[in-house]
């Protein structure tokens, strides 16, 4: 049986009632629309959203309309896409590595994507359209290295996480080296390292948008495989799943999502760790529900944090990556402390 065939063996998963799922999805969709509306309405520069929309509909290039069309709308779309992509990438990586503390930024996948993107800018500074591909290659190489270490050594969850942190440090050092060697080509690398959406345009967002939307749809299709892999390799093999093939395909998918997001958002941290854990508290381990809930939750989180980062110290802007680190850092520490208490 290949990885696309479904087993008739019943699998015990924590499934909430269908009515509660529908209500939760409806609430999340409403919150996403509200967060998107607020992201358009509020920012470091005061503007009248409804007047801007009206001016655009009339074809009048007013100041409010131009701010809405060229700054806030692409930025809101970028925040929603990056949040959804990183959250679902976190869900996939946690299922493949059987590690609840694994996430694109924690195990170095984001840093690998960042190195690929910065290297592309250093060598081919005009090839902005190839950034998503370069970020994907960097993320894939990093993820395969982490996966190979965990598979060959039989390392436990904490060891895999620590190895990922070490790899991320090496990759960040390589990025800083490229910043020094190619200052003219990699002129915006400092903002890239922190993570944020300042200066995002639709032309820059479009290639990654196609990758992310396709990746989210494919992730929903592979939800059953994630359910099986989350039960452990031995159980998956007993159900007839080709574990190695499934893991490789899912890692490719996670890297496409993370690489696409990193190509325009920079090294945003903790979205892929924080959102899946919060989603599991509401919907359990069923990935058919966990994937869409995490996608919506990630989009809401990044949209809200980006809006707060713009208005908190207006007219100055705090990069959203800093705010996410303030939120995600304590959460990651709490996961480590809870894990140690369980082992003790």
C-alpha atoms as a PDB file:
ATOM      1  CA  UNK A   1       0.000   0.000   0.000  1.00  0.00           C
ATOM      2  CA  UNK A   2       1.429   3.424  -0.900  1.00  0.00           C
ATOM      3  CA  UNK A   3       1.079   6.605   1.099  1.00  0.00           C
ATOM      4  CA  UNK A   4      -2.078   7.705  -0.714  1.00  0.00           C
ATOM      5  CA  UNK A   5      -4.043   4.559   0.116  1.00  0.00           C
ATOM      6  CA  UNK A   6      -6.192   4.679   3.202  1.00  0.00           C
ATOM      7  CA  UNK A   7      -6.200   1.906   5.721  1.00  0.00           C
ATOM      8  CA  UNK A   8      -9.404   0.375   6.993  1.00  0.00           C
ATOM      9  CA  UNK A   9      -7.847   0.047  10.443  1.00  0.00           C
ATOM     10  CA  UNK A  10      -9.565   2.398  12.886  1.00  0.00           C
ATOM     11  CA  UNK A  11      -7.250   5.016  14.336  1.00  0.00           C
ATOM     12  CA  UNK A  12      -7.845   6.565  17.706  1.00  0.00           C
ATOM     13  CA  UNK A  13      -7.626  10.343  17.428  1.00  0.00           C
ATOM     14  CA  UNK A  14      -9.000  13.118  19.549  1.00  0.00           C
ATOM     15  CA  UNK A  15     -11.915  14.318  17.414  1.00  0.00           C
ATOM     16  CA  UNK A  16     -14.104  17.197  18.527  1.00  0.00           C
ATOM     17  CA  UNK A  17     -17.764  17.169  17.557  1.00  0.00           C
ATOM     18  CA  UNK A  18     -18.609  18.331  14.046  1.00  0.00           C
ATOM     19  CA  UNK A  19     -20.801  21.131  15.382  1.00  0.00           C
ATOM     20  CA  UNK A  20     -17.982  22.506  17.494  1.00  0.00           C
ATOM     21  CA  UNK A  21     -15.591  22.269  14.555  1.00  0.00           C
ATOM     22  CA  UNK A  22     -17.965  24.248  12.339  1.00  0.00           C
ATOM     23  CA  UNK A  23     -18.408  26.910  15.013  1.00  0.00           C
ATOM     24  CA  UNK A  24     -14.655  27.144  15.600  1.00  0.00           C
ATOM     25  CA  UNK A  25     -13.901  27.493  11.869  1.00  0.00           C
ATOM     26  CA  UNK A  26     -16.625  30.122  11.504  1.00  0.00           C
ATOM     27  CA  UNK A  27     -15.228  32.087  14.454  1.00  0.00           C
ATOM     28  CA  UNK A  28     -11.693  31.890  13.079  1.00  0.00           C
ATOM     29  CA  UNK A  29     -12.836  33.044   9.633  1.00  0.00           C
ATOM     30  CA  UNK A  30     -14.659  35.977  11.226  1.00  0.00           C
ATOM     31  CA  UNK A  31     -11.584  36.857  13.298  1.00  0.00           C
ATOM     32  CA  UNK A  32      -9.409  36.648  10.196  1.00  0.00           C
ATOM     33  CA  UNK A  33     -11.678  39.041   8.300  1.00  0.00           C
ATOM     34  CA  UNK A  34     -11.720  41.390  11.277  1.00  0.00           C
ATOM     35  CA  UNK A  35      -7.929  41.268  11.639  1.00  0.00           C
ATOM     36  CA  UNK A  36      -7.503  41.885   7.899  1.00  0.00           C
ATOM     37  CA  UNK A  37      -9.865  44.864   8.050  1.00  0.00           C
ATOM     38  CA  UNK A  38      -8.000  46.302  11.051  1.00  0.00           C
ATOM     39  CA  UNK A  39      -4.660  45.782   9.289  1.00  0.00           C
ATOM     40  CA  UNK A  40      -5.971  47.919   6.427  1.00  0.00           C
ATOM     41  CA  UNK A  41      -7.484  50.569   8.696  1.00  0.00           C
ATOM     42  CA  UNK A  42      -4.692  51.116  11.215  1.00  0.00           C
ATOM     43  CA  UNK A  43      -1.018  51.860  10.767  1.00  0.00           C
ATOM     44  CA  UNK A  44       1.763  54.318  11.454  1.00  0.00           C
ATOM     45  CA  UNK A  45       0.165  56.845   9.060  1.00  0.00           C
ATOM     46  CA  UNK A  46      -3.418  57.971   9.795  1.00  0.00           C
ATOM     47  CA  UNK A  47      -5.878  57.403   6.957  1.00  0.00           C
ATOM     48  CA  UNK A  48      -9.593  56.990   6.320  1.00  0.00           C
ATOM     49  CA  UNK A  49     -10.119  53.429   5.102  1.00  0.00           C
ATOM     50  CA  UNK A  50     -13.590  53.943   3.642  1.00  0.00           C
ATOM     51  CA  UNK A  51     -12.564  57.110   1.859  1.00  0.00           C
ATOM     52  CA  UNK A  52      -9.532  55.302   0.454  1.00  0.00           C
ATOM     53  CA  UNK A  53     -11.701  52.434  -0.806  1.00  0.00           C
ATOM     54  CA  UNK A  54     -14.128  54.897  -2.363  1.00  0.00           C
ATOM     55  CA  UNK A  55     -11.331  56.798  -4.069  1.00  0.00           C
ATOM     56  CA  UNK A  56      -9.951  53.566  -5.532  1.00  0.00           C
ATOM     57  CA  UNK A  57     -13.370  52.537  -6.824  1.00  0.00           C
ATOM     58  CA  UNK A  58     -13.776  55.929  -8.507  1.00  0.00           C
ATOM     59  CA  UNK A  59     -10.285  55.734 -10.004  1.00  0.00           C
ATOM     60  CA  UNK A  60      -9.133  58.757  -7.984  1.00  0.00           C
ATOM     61  CA  UNK A  61      -5.425  58.380  -6.962  1.00  0.00           C
ATOM     62  CA  UNK A  62      -5.800  60.149  -3.605  1.00  0.00           C
ATOM     63  CA  UNK A  63      -3.261  59.804  -0.790  1.00  0.00           C
ATOM     64  CA  UNK A  64      -5.513  57.450   1.186  1.00  0.00           C
ATOM     65  CA  UNK A  65      -6.194  55.304  -1.855  1.00  0.00           C
ATOM     66  CA  UNK A  66      -2.498  55.038  -2.748  1.00  0.00           C
ATOM     67  CA  UNK A  67      -1.551  54.102   0.824  1.00  0.00           C
ATOM     68  CA  UNK A  68      -4.243  51.442   0.853  1.00  0.00           C
ATOM     69  CA  UNK A  69      -3.397  49.972  -2.553  1.00  0.00           C
ATOM     70  CA  UNK A  70       0.400  50.055  -2.516  1.00  0.00           C
ATOM     71  CA  UNK A  71       1.269  49.698   1.169  1.00  0.00           C
ATOM     72  CA  UNK A  72      -1.429  48.308   3.426  1.00  0.00           C
ATOM     73  CA  UNK A  73      -3.180  45.841   1.128  1.00  0.00           C
ATOM     74  CA  UNK A  74      -0.023  43.975   0.005  1.00  0.00           C
ATOM     75  CA  UNK A  75       1.285  44.064   3.567  1.00  0.00           C
ATOM     76  CA  UNK A  76      -1.910  42.573   5.001  1.00  0.00           C
ATOM     77  CA  UNK A  77      -1.921  39.859   2.334  1.00  0.00           C
ATOM     78  CA  UNK A  78       1.739  39.102   3.061  1.00  0.00           C
ATOM     79  CA  UNK A  79       1.141  38.839   6.817  1.00  0.00           C
ATOM     80  CA  UNK A  80      -1.817  36.486   6.370  1.00  0.00           C
ATOM     81  CA  UNK A  81       0.032  34.263   3.885  1.00  0.00           C
ATOM     82  CA  UNK A  82       3.221  34.097   5.964  1.00  0.00           C
ATOM     83  CA  UNK A  83       1.319  33.282   9.147  1.00  0.00           C
ATOM     84  CA  UNK A  84      -0.686  30.500   7.511  1.00  0.00           C
ATOM     85  CA  UNK A  85       2.359  29.025   5.752  1.00  0.00           C
ATOM     86  CA  UNK A  86       4.633  28.995   8.812  1.00  0.00           C
ATOM     87  CA  UNK A  87       1.923  27.571  11.079  1.00  0.00           C
ATOM     88  CA  UNK A  88       1.133  24.684   8.713  1.00  0.00           C
ATOM     89  CA  UNK A  89       4.847  24.071   8.129  1.00  0.00           C
ATOM     90  CA  UNK A  90       5.178  23.713  11.894  1.00  0.00           C
ATOM     91  CA  UNK A  91       2.330  21.189  12.006  1.00  0.00           C
ATOM     92  CA  UNK A  92       3.975  19.107   9.268  1.00  0.00           C
ATOM     93  CA  UNK A  93       7.462  19.153  10.790  1.00  0.00           C
ATOM     94  CA  UNK A  94       6.131  18.182  14.208  1.00  0.00           C
ATOM     95  CA  UNK A  95       4.262  15.238  12.684  1.00  0.00           C
ATOM     96  CA  UNK A  96       7.277  14.019  10.678  1.00  0.00           C
ATOM     97  CA  UNK A  97       9.852  14.381  13.472  1.00  0.00           C
ATOM     98  CA  UNK A  98       7.460  13.266  16.265  1.00  0.00           C
ATOM     99  CA  UNK A  99       8.635  16.330  18.141  1.00  0.00           C
ATOM    100  CA  UNK A 100       6.154  18.856  19.589  1.00  0.00           C
ATOM    101  CA  UNK A 101       8.939  21.425  19.978  1.00  0.00           C
ATOM    102  CA  UNK A 102       9.989  21.259  16.333  1.00  0.00           C
ATOM    103  CA  UNK A 103       9.156  24.304  14.226  1.00  0.00           C
ATOM    104  CA  UNK A 104      10.625  25.981  11.129  1.00  0.00           C
ATOM    105  CA  UNK A 105      12.557  28.540  13.158  1.00  0.00           C
ATOM    106  CA  UNK A 106      13.528  26.249  16.052  1.00  0.00           C
ATOM    107  CA  UNK A 107      15.225  23.519  13.987  1.00  0.00           C
ATOM    108  CA  UNK A 108      16.792  25.932  11.513  1.00  0.00           C
ATOM    109  CA  UNK A 109      14.488  25.598   8.500  1.00  0.00           C
ATOM    110  CA  UNK A 110      13.773  29.338   8.450  1.00  0.00           C
ATOM    111  CA  UNK A 111      17.488  30.088   8.698  1.00  0.00           C
ATOM    112  CA  UNK A 112      18.208  27.690   5.832  1.00  0.00           C
ATOM    113  CA  UNK A 113      15.571  29.415   3.724  1.00  0.00           C
ATOM    114  CA  UNK A 114      17.043  32.758   4.696  1.00  0.00           C
ATOM    115  CA  UNK A 115      20.545  31.695   3.701  1.00  0.00           C
ATOM    116  CA  UNK A 116      19.271  30.503   0.326  1.00  0.00           C
ATOM    117  CA  UNK A 117      17.498  33.816  -0.279  1.00  0.00           C
ATOM    118  CA  UNK A 118      20.426  35.974   0.856  1.00  0.00           C
ATOM    119  CA  UNK A 119      22.871  33.900  -1.211  1.00  0.00           C
ATOM    120  CA  UNK A 120      20.672  34.409  -4.268  1.00  0.00           C
ATOM    121  CA  UNK A 121      20.639  38.175  -3.652  1.00  0.00           C
ATOM    122  CA  UNK A 122      24.409  38.210  -3.215  1.00  0.00           C
ATOM    123  CA  UNK A 123      25.124  36.309  -6.437  1.00  0.00           C
ATOM    124  CA  UNK A 124      22.166  37.441  -8.580  1.00  0.00           C
ATOM    125  CA  UNK A 125      20.887  40.693  -7.012  1.00  0.00           C
ATOM    126  CA  UNK A 126      18.362  41.342  -9.798  1.00  0.00           C
ATOM    127  CA  UNK A 127      16.746  37.878  -9.673  1.00  0.00           C
ATOM    128  CA  UNK A 128      14.029  38.757  -7.153  1.00  0.00           C
ATOM    129  CA  UNK A 129      11.574  36.350  -8.779  1.00  0.00           C
ATOM    130  CA  UNK A 130      13.850  33.425  -7.937  1.00  0.00           C
ATOM    131  CA  UNK A 131      13.877  34.169  -4.193  1.00  0.00           C
ATOM    132  CA  UNK A 132      11.106  31.653  -3.341  1.00  0.00           C
ATOM    133  CA  UNK A 133      12.987  28.885  -5.164  1.00  0.00           C
ATOM    134  CA  UNK A 134      16.280  29.770  -3.467  1.00  0.00           C
ATOM    135  CA  UNK A 135      14.571  29.890  -0.075  1.00  0.00           C
ATOM    136  CA  UNK A 136      12.953  26.503  -0.723  1.00  0.00           C
ATOM    137  CA  UNK A 137      16.291  24.898  -1.634  1.00  0.00           C
ATOM    138  CA  UNK A 138      17.934  26.323   1.489  1.00  0.00           C
ATOM    139  CA  UNK A 139      15.081  25.141   3.705  1.00  0.00           C
ATOM    140  CA  UNK A 140      15.081  21.678   2.121  1.00  0.00           C
ATOM    141  CA  UNK A 141      18.808  21.110   2.570  1.00  0.00           C
ATOM    142  CA  UNK A 142      18.594  22.177   6.204  1.00  0.00           C
ATOM    143  CA  UNK A 143      15.536  20.050   6.930  1.00  0.00           C
ATOM    144  CA  UNK A 144      17.081  16.965   5.331  1.00  0.00           C
ATOM    145  CA  UNK A 145      20.219  17.417   7.424  1.00  0.00           C
ATOM    146  CA  UNK A 146      18.191  17.566  10.634  1.00  0.00           C
ATOM    147  CA  UNK A 147      16.088  14.604   9.560  1.00  0.00           C
ATOM    148  CA  UNK A 148      19.182  12.552   8.656  1.00  0.00           C
ATOM    149  CA  UNK A 149      20.738  13.226  12.059  1.00  0.00           C
ATOM    150  CA  UNK A 150      17.569  12.219  13.896  1.00  0.00           C
ATOM    151  CA  UNK A 151      17.085   9.091  11.754  1.00  0.00           C
ATOM    152  CA  UNK A 152      20.676   7.827  11.882  1.00  0.00           C
ATOM    153  CA  UNK A 153      21.397   8.489  15.547  1.00  0.00           C
ATOM    154  CA  UNK A 154      17.974   7.698  16.976  1.00  0.00           C
ATOM    155  CA  UNK A 155      18.228  10.980  18.844  1.00  0.00           C
ATOM    156  CA  UNK A 156      15.487  11.909  21.276  1.00  0.00           C
ATOM    157  CA  UNK A 157      13.259  14.919  20.884  1.00  0.00           C
ATOM    158  CA  UNK A 158      15.380  17.284  22.952  1.00  0.00           C
ATOM    159  CA  UNK A 159      18.569  16.301  21.123  1.00  0.00           C
ATOM    160  CA  UNK A 160      16.991  16.937  17.726  1.00  0.00           C
ATOM    161  CA  UNK A 161      15.826  20.354  18.903  1.00  0.00           C
ATOM    162  CA  UNK A 162      19.277  21.252  20.232  1.00  0.00           C
ATOM    163  CA  UNK A 163      20.921  20.100  16.985  1.00  0.00           C
ATOM    164  CA  UNK A 164      18.473  22.277  15.060  1.00  0.00           C
ATOM    165  CA  UNK A 165      19.321  25.289  17.215  1.00  0.00           C
ATOM    166  CA  UNK A 166      23.037  24.701  16.579  1.00  0.00           C
ATOM    167  CA  UNK A 167      22.447  24.407  12.827  1.00  0.00           C
ATOM    168  CA  UNK A 168      20.380  27.605  12.870  1.00  0.00           C
ATOM    169  CA  UNK A 169      23.261  29.417  14.591  1.00  0.00           C
ATOM    170  CA  UNK A 170      25.683  28.282  11.884  1.00  0.00           C
ATOM    171  CA  UNK A 171      23.303  29.360   9.135  1.00  0.00           C
ATOM    172  CA  UNK A 172      22.742  32.763  10.744  1.00  0.00           C
ATOM    173  CA  UNK A 173      26.528  33.175  10.931  1.00  0.00           C
ATOM    174  CA  UNK A 174      26.711  32.420   7.193  1.00  0.00           C
ATOM    175  CA  UNK A 175      24.016  35.038   6.514  1.00  0.00           C
ATOM    176  CA  UNK A 176      25.953  37.629   8.524  1.00  0.00           C
ATOM    177  CA  UNK A 177      29.095  36.753   6.561  1.00  0.00           C
ATOM    178  CA  UNK A 178      27.289  37.394   3.278  1.00  0.00           C
ATOM    179  CA  UNK A 179      26.063  40.719   4.660  1.00  0.00           C
ATOM    180  CA  UNK A 180      29.664  41.783   5.231  1.00  0.00           C
ATOM    181  CA  UNK A 181      31.037  40.443   1.943  1.00  0.00           C
ATOM    182  CA  UNK A 182      28.189  41.747  -0.256  1.00  0.00           C
ATOM    183  CA  UNK A 183      26.895  44.912   1.466  1.00  0.00           C
ATOM    184  CA  UNK A 184      25.566  46.461  -1.750  1.00  0.00           C
ATOM    185  CA  UNK A 185      23.614  43.404  -2.914  1.00  0.00           C
ATOM    186  CA  UNK A 186      22.304  42.404   0.519  1.00  0.00           C
ATOM    187  CA  UNK A 187      21.517  45.937   1.644  1.00  0.00           C
ATOM    188  CA  UNK A 188      18.281  45.042   3.497  1.00  0.00           C
ATOM    189  CA  UNK A 189      19.589  41.956   5.292  1.00  0.00           C
ATOM    190  CA  UNK A 190      19.192  43.406   8.796  1.00  0.00           C
ATOM    191  CA  UNK A 191      15.426  43.746   8.333  1.00  0.00           C
ATOM    192  CA  UNK A 192      15.388  40.308   6.736  1.00  0.00           C
ATOM    193  CA  UNK A 193      17.070  38.735   9.780  1.00  0.00           C
ATOM    194  CA  UNK A 194      14.526  40.285  12.154  1.00  0.00           C
ATOM    195  CA  UNK A 195      11.488  39.550  10.001  1.00  0.00           C
ATOM    196  CA  UNK A 196       8.810  41.944   8.829  1.00  0.00           C
ATOM    197  CA  UNK A 197       6.693  43.163   5.939  1.00  0.00           C
ATOM    198  CA  UNK A 198       7.916  46.698   5.379  1.00  0.00           C
ATOM    199  CA  UNK A 199       8.198  47.411   1.673  1.00  0.00           C
ATOM    200  CA  UNK A 200       6.383  44.264   0.498  1.00  0.00           C
ATOM    201  CA  UNK A 201       4.779  44.701  -2.927  1.00  0.00           C
ATOM    202  CA  UNK A 202       2.387  42.551  -4.930  1.00  0.00           C
ATOM    203  CA  UNK A 203       5.059  41.890  -7.545  1.00  0.00           C
ATOM    204  CA  UNK A 204       7.374  40.484  -4.867  1.00  0.00           C
ATOM    205  CA  UNK A 205       4.555  38.595  -3.180  1.00  0.00           C
ATOM    206  CA  UNK A 206       3.019  36.972  -6.259  1.00  0.00           C
ATOM    207  CA  UNK A 207       5.444  34.033  -6.886  1.00  0.00           C
ATOM    208  CA  UNK A 208       5.507  33.029  -3.210  1.00  0.00           C
ATOM    209  CA  UNK A 209       1.721  33.454  -2.975  1.00  0.00           C
ATOM    210  CA  UNK A 210       1.171  30.767  -5.610  1.00  0.00           C
ATOM    211  CA  UNK A 211       3.530  28.381  -3.795  1.00  0.00           C
ATOM    212  CA  UNK A 212       1.911  28.969  -0.411  1.00  0.00           C
ATOM    213  CA  UNK A 213      -1.694  28.616  -1.579  1.00  0.00           C
ATOM    214  CA  UNK A 214      -0.864  25.411  -3.450  1.00  0.00           C
ATOM    215  CA  UNK A 215       1.073  24.122  -0.438  1.00  0.00           C
ATOM    216  CA  UNK A 216      -1.829  24.753   1.933  1.00  0.00           C
ATOM    217  CA  UNK A 217      -4.191  22.808  -0.319  1.00  0.00           C
ATOM    218  CA  UNK A 218      -1.740  19.904  -0.602  1.00  0.00           C
ATOM    219  CA  UNK A 219      -1.264  19.906   3.183  1.00  0.00           C
ATOM    220  CA  UNK A 220      -5.002  19.370   3.632  1.00  0.00           C
ATOM    221  CA  UNK A 221      -4.823  16.476   1.164  1.00  0.00           C
ATOM    222  CA  UNK A 222      -1.959  14.838   3.120  1.00  0.00           C
ATOM    223  CA  UNK A 223      -3.652  15.184   6.515  1.00  0.00           C
ATOM    224  CA  UNK A 224      -4.243  11.424   6.769  1.00  0.00           C
ATOM    225  CA  UNK A 225      -0.525  10.705   6.270  1.00  0.00           C
ATOM    226  CA  UNK A 226       0.317  13.161   9.042  1.00  0.00           C
ATOM    227  CA  UNK A 227      -2.149  11.406  11.340  1.00  0.00           C
ATOM    228  CA  UNK A 228      -0.437   8.081  10.700  1.00  0.00           C
ATOM    229  CA  UNK A 229       3.120   9.420  11.043  1.00  0.00           C
ATOM    230  CA  UNK A 230       2.226  11.127  14.318  1.00  0.00           C
ATOM    231  CA  UNK A 231       1.431   7.679  15.757  1.00  0.00           C
ATOM    232  CA  UNK A 232       5.062   6.582  15.249  1.00  0.00           C
ATOM    233  CA  UNK A 233       7.081   4.926  12.494  1.00  0.00           C
ATOM    234  CA  UNK A 234       6.341   1.374  13.646  1.00  0.00           C
ATOM    235  CA  UNK A 235       2.585   1.945  13.689  1.00  0.00           C
ATOM    236  CA  UNK A 236       2.710   3.634  10.287  1.00  0.00           C
ATOM    237  CA  UNK A 237       4.639   0.703   8.806  1.00  0.00           C
ATOM    238  CA  UNK A 238       2.165  -1.780  10.289  1.00  0.00           C
ATOM    239  CA  UNK A 239      -0.616   0.105   8.489  1.00  0.00           C
ATOM    240  CA  UNK A 240       1.200  -0.298   5.173  1.00  0.00           C
ATOM    241  CA  UNK A 241       2.492   3.260   4.777  1.00  0.00           C
ATOM    242  CA  UNK A 242       5.818   3.840   3.042  1.00  0.00           C
ATOM    243  CA  UNK A 243       7.222   5.905   5.911  1.00  0.00           C
ATOM    244  CA  UNK A 244      10.378   7.180   4.226  1.00  0.00           C
ATOM    245  CA  UNK A 245       8.500   8.337   1.124  1.00  0.00           C
ATOM    246  CA  UNK A 246       5.770   9.980   3.160  1.00  0.00           C
ATOM    247  CA  UNK A 247       8.274  11.774   5.371  1.00  0.00           C
ATOM    248  CA  UNK A 248      10.251  13.030   2.386  1.00  0.00           C
ATOM    249  CA  UNK A 249       7.167  14.347   0.595  1.00  0.00           C
ATOM    250  CA  UNK A 250       5.883  16.055   3.719  1.00  0.00           C
ATOM    251  CA  UNK A 251       9.273  17.628   4.408  1.00  0.00           C
ATOM    252  CA  UNK A 252       9.312  18.944   0.837  1.00  0.00           C
ATOM    253  CA  UNK A 253       5.879  20.424   1.448  1.00  0.00           C
ATOM    254  CA  UNK A 254       6.908  22.034   4.747  1.00  0.00           C
ATOM    255  CA  UNK A 255      10.014  23.517   3.137  1.00  0.00           C
ATOM    256  CA  UNK A 256       7.984  24.923   0.240  1.00  0.00           C
ATOM    257  CA  UNK A 257       5.660  26.639   2.711  1.00  0.00           C
ATOM    258  CA  UNK A 258       8.436  27.946   4.962  1.00  0.00           C
ATOM    259  CA  UNK A 259      10.643  28.960   2.033  1.00  0.00           C
ATOM    260  CA  UNK A 260       7.799  30.807   0.339  1.00  0.00           C
ATOM    261  CA  UNK A 261       7.033  32.738   3.524  1.00  0.00           C
ATOM    262  CA  UNK A 262      10.667  33.551   4.327  1.00  0.00           C
ATOM    263  CA  UNK A 263      11.285  34.873   0.787  1.00  0.00           C
ATOM    264  CA  UNK A 264       9.181  37.978   1.500  1.00  0.00           C
ATOM    265  CA  UNK A 265       8.787  38.064   5.308  1.00  0.00           C
ATOM    266  CA  UNK A 266      12.316  37.341   6.515  1.00  0.00           C
ATOM    267  CA  UNK A 267      13.103  35.141   9.498  1.00  0.00           C
ATOM    268  CA  UNK A 268       9.868  35.341  11.463  1.00  0.00           C
ATOM    269  CA  UNK A 269      10.074  33.181  14.549  1.00  0.00           C
ATOM    270  CA  UNK A 270       7.789  31.043  16.708  1.00  0.00           C
ATOM    271  CA  UNK A 271       4.668  31.102  14.501  1.00  0.00           C
ATOM    272  CA  UNK A 272       5.170  27.433  13.579  1.00  0.00           C
ATOM    273  CA  UNK A 273       5.644  26.529  17.239  1.00  0.00           C
ATOM    274  CA  UNK A 274       3.041  28.631  18.991  1.00  0.00           C
ATOM    275  CA  UNK A 275       0.046  28.231  16.681  1.00  0.00           C
ATOM    276  CA  UNK A 276       0.014  24.390  16.330  1.00  0.00           C
ATOM    277  CA  UNK A 277       0.183  23.977  20.121  1.00  0.00           C
ATOM    278  CA  UNK A 278      -2.700  26.380  20.684  1.00  0.00           C
ATOM    279  CA  UNK A 279      -4.716  24.725  17.900  1.00  0.00           C
ATOM    280  CA  UNK A 280      -4.249  21.271  19.446  1.00  0.00           C
ATOM    281  CA  UNK A 281      -5.818  22.511  22.678  1.00  0.00           C
ATOM    282  CA  UNK A 282      -9.045  23.108  20.769  1.00  0.00           C
ATOM    283  CA  UNK A 283      -9.157  20.381  18.102  1.00  0.00           C
ATOM    284  CA  UNK A 284      -6.796  17.633  19.244  1.00  0.00           C
ATOM    285  CA  UNK A 285      -4.460  15.673  16.976  1.00  0.00           C
ATOM    286  CA  UNK A 286      -6.682  15.126  13.931  1.00  0.00           C
ATOM    287  CA  UNK A 287      -4.696  16.806  11.155  1.00  0.00           C
ATOM    288  CA  UNK A 288      -7.701  17.093   8.847  1.00  0.00           C
ATOM    289  CA  UNK A 289      -8.925  19.698  11.322  1.00  0.00           C
ATOM    290  CA  UNK A 290      -5.584  20.810  12.754  1.00  0.00           C
ATOM    291  CA  UNK A 291      -4.180  21.964   9.389  1.00  0.00           C
ATOM    292  CA  UNK A 292      -6.959  24.442   8.467  1.00  0.00           C
ATOM    293  CA  UNK A 293      -7.309  25.654  12.061  1.00  0.00           C
ATOM    294  CA  UNK A 294      -3.552  26.256  12.273  1.00  0.00           C
ATOM    295  CA  UNK A 295      -3.571  28.059   8.922  1.00  0.00           C
ATOM    296  CA  UNK A 296      -6.319  30.413  10.072  1.00  0.00           C
ATOM    297  CA  UNK A 297      -4.744  30.871  13.496  1.00  0.00           C
ATOM    298  CA  UNK A 298      -1.319  31.640  12.020  1.00  0.00           C
ATOM    299  CA  UNK A 299      -2.772  34.214   9.639  1.00  0.00           C
ATOM    300  CA  UNK A 300      -4.661  35.909  12.493  1.00  0.00           C
ATOM    301  CA  UNK A 301      -1.637  35.931  14.814  1.00  0.00           C
ATOM    302  CA  UNK A 302       0.748  37.514  12.306  1.00  0.00           C
ATOM    303  CA  UNK A 303      -1.844  40.015  11.069  1.00  0.00           C
ATOM    304  CA  UNK A 304      -2.598  41.186  14.619  1.00  0.00           C
ATOM    305  CA  UNK A 305       1.064  41.316  15.645  1.00  0.00           C
ATOM    306  CA  UNK A 306       1.983  43.247  12.500  1.00  0.00           C
ATOM    307  CA  UNK A 307      -0.791  45.762  13.135  1.00  0.00           C
ATOM    308  CA  UNK A 308       0.297  46.209  16.769  1.00  0.00           C
ATOM    309  CA  UNK A 309       3.923  46.641  15.721  1.00  0.00           C
ATOM    310  CA  UNK A 310       2.891  49.509  13.429  1.00  0.00           C
ATOM    311  CA  UNK A 311       0.685  51.420  15.876  1.00  0.00           C
ATOM    312  CA  UNK A 312       2.448  50.723  19.189  1.00  0.00           C
ATOM    313  CA  UNK A 313       5.189  53.308  18.713  1.00  0.00           C
ATOM    314  CA  UNK A 314       3.730  55.277  15.794  1.00  0.00           C
ATOM    315  CA  UNK A 315       5.051  57.044  13.778  1.00  0.00           C
ATOM    316  CA  UNK A 316       7.963  54.650  14.387  1.00  0.00           C
ATOM    317  CA  UNK A 317       7.539  51.021  13.427  1.00  0.00           C
ATOM    318  CA  UNK A 318       8.633  47.978  15.424  1.00  0.00           C
ATOM    319  CA  UNK A 319       9.478  45.007  13.157  1.00  0.00           C
ATOM    320  CA  UNK A 320       6.887  42.301  13.691  1.00  0.00           C
ATOM    321  CA  UNK A 321       9.629  39.694  14.144  1.00  0.00           C
ATOM    322  CA  UNK A 322      10.640  41.377  17.411  1.00  0.00           C
ATOM    323  CA  UNK A 323       7.082  41.290  18.734  1.00  0.00           C
ATOM    324  CA  UNK A 324       6.693  37.624  17.783  1.00  0.00           C
ATOM    325  CA  UNK A 325       9.935  36.821  19.612  1.00  0.00           C
ATOM    326  CA  UNK A 326       8.630  38.539  22.743  1.00  0.00           C
ATOM    327  CA  UNK A 327       5.504  36.385  22.525  1.00  0.00           C
ATOM    328  CA  UNK A 328       7.081  33.113  21.404  1.00  0.00           C
ATOM    329  CA  UNK A 329      10.232  33.103  23.547  1.00  0.00           C
ATOM    330  CA  UNK A 330       8.455  32.649  26.903  1.00  0.00           C
ATOM    331  CA  UNK A 331       6.133  30.091  25.296  1.00  0.00           C
ATOM    332  CA  UNK A 332       9.103  28.014  24.111  1.00  0.00           C
ATOM    333  CA  UNK A 333      10.692  28.157  27.569  1.00  0.00           C
ATOM    334  CA  UNK A 334       7.434  26.984  29.128  1.00  0.00           C
ATOM    335  CA  UNK A 335       7.339  23.994  26.762  1.00  0.00           C
ATOM    336  CA  UNK A 336      10.848  22.990  27.814  1.00  0.00           C
ATOM    337  CA  UNK A 337       9.981  23.304  31.518  1.00  0.00           C
ATOM    338  CA  UNK A 338       6.778  21.289  31.107  1.00  0.00           C
ATOM    339  CA  UNK A 339       8.666  18.614  29.182  1.00  0.00           C
ATOM    340  CA  UNK A 340      11.288  18.301  31.929  1.00  0.00           C
ATOM    341  CA  UNK A 341       8.606  17.997  34.611  1.00  0.00           C
ATOM    342  CA  UNK A 342       6.966  15.150  32.712  1.00  0.00           C
ATOM    343  CA  UNK A 343      10.281  13.294  32.391  1.00  0.00           C
ATOM    344  CA  UNK A 344      11.053  13.851  36.076  1.00  0.00           C
END
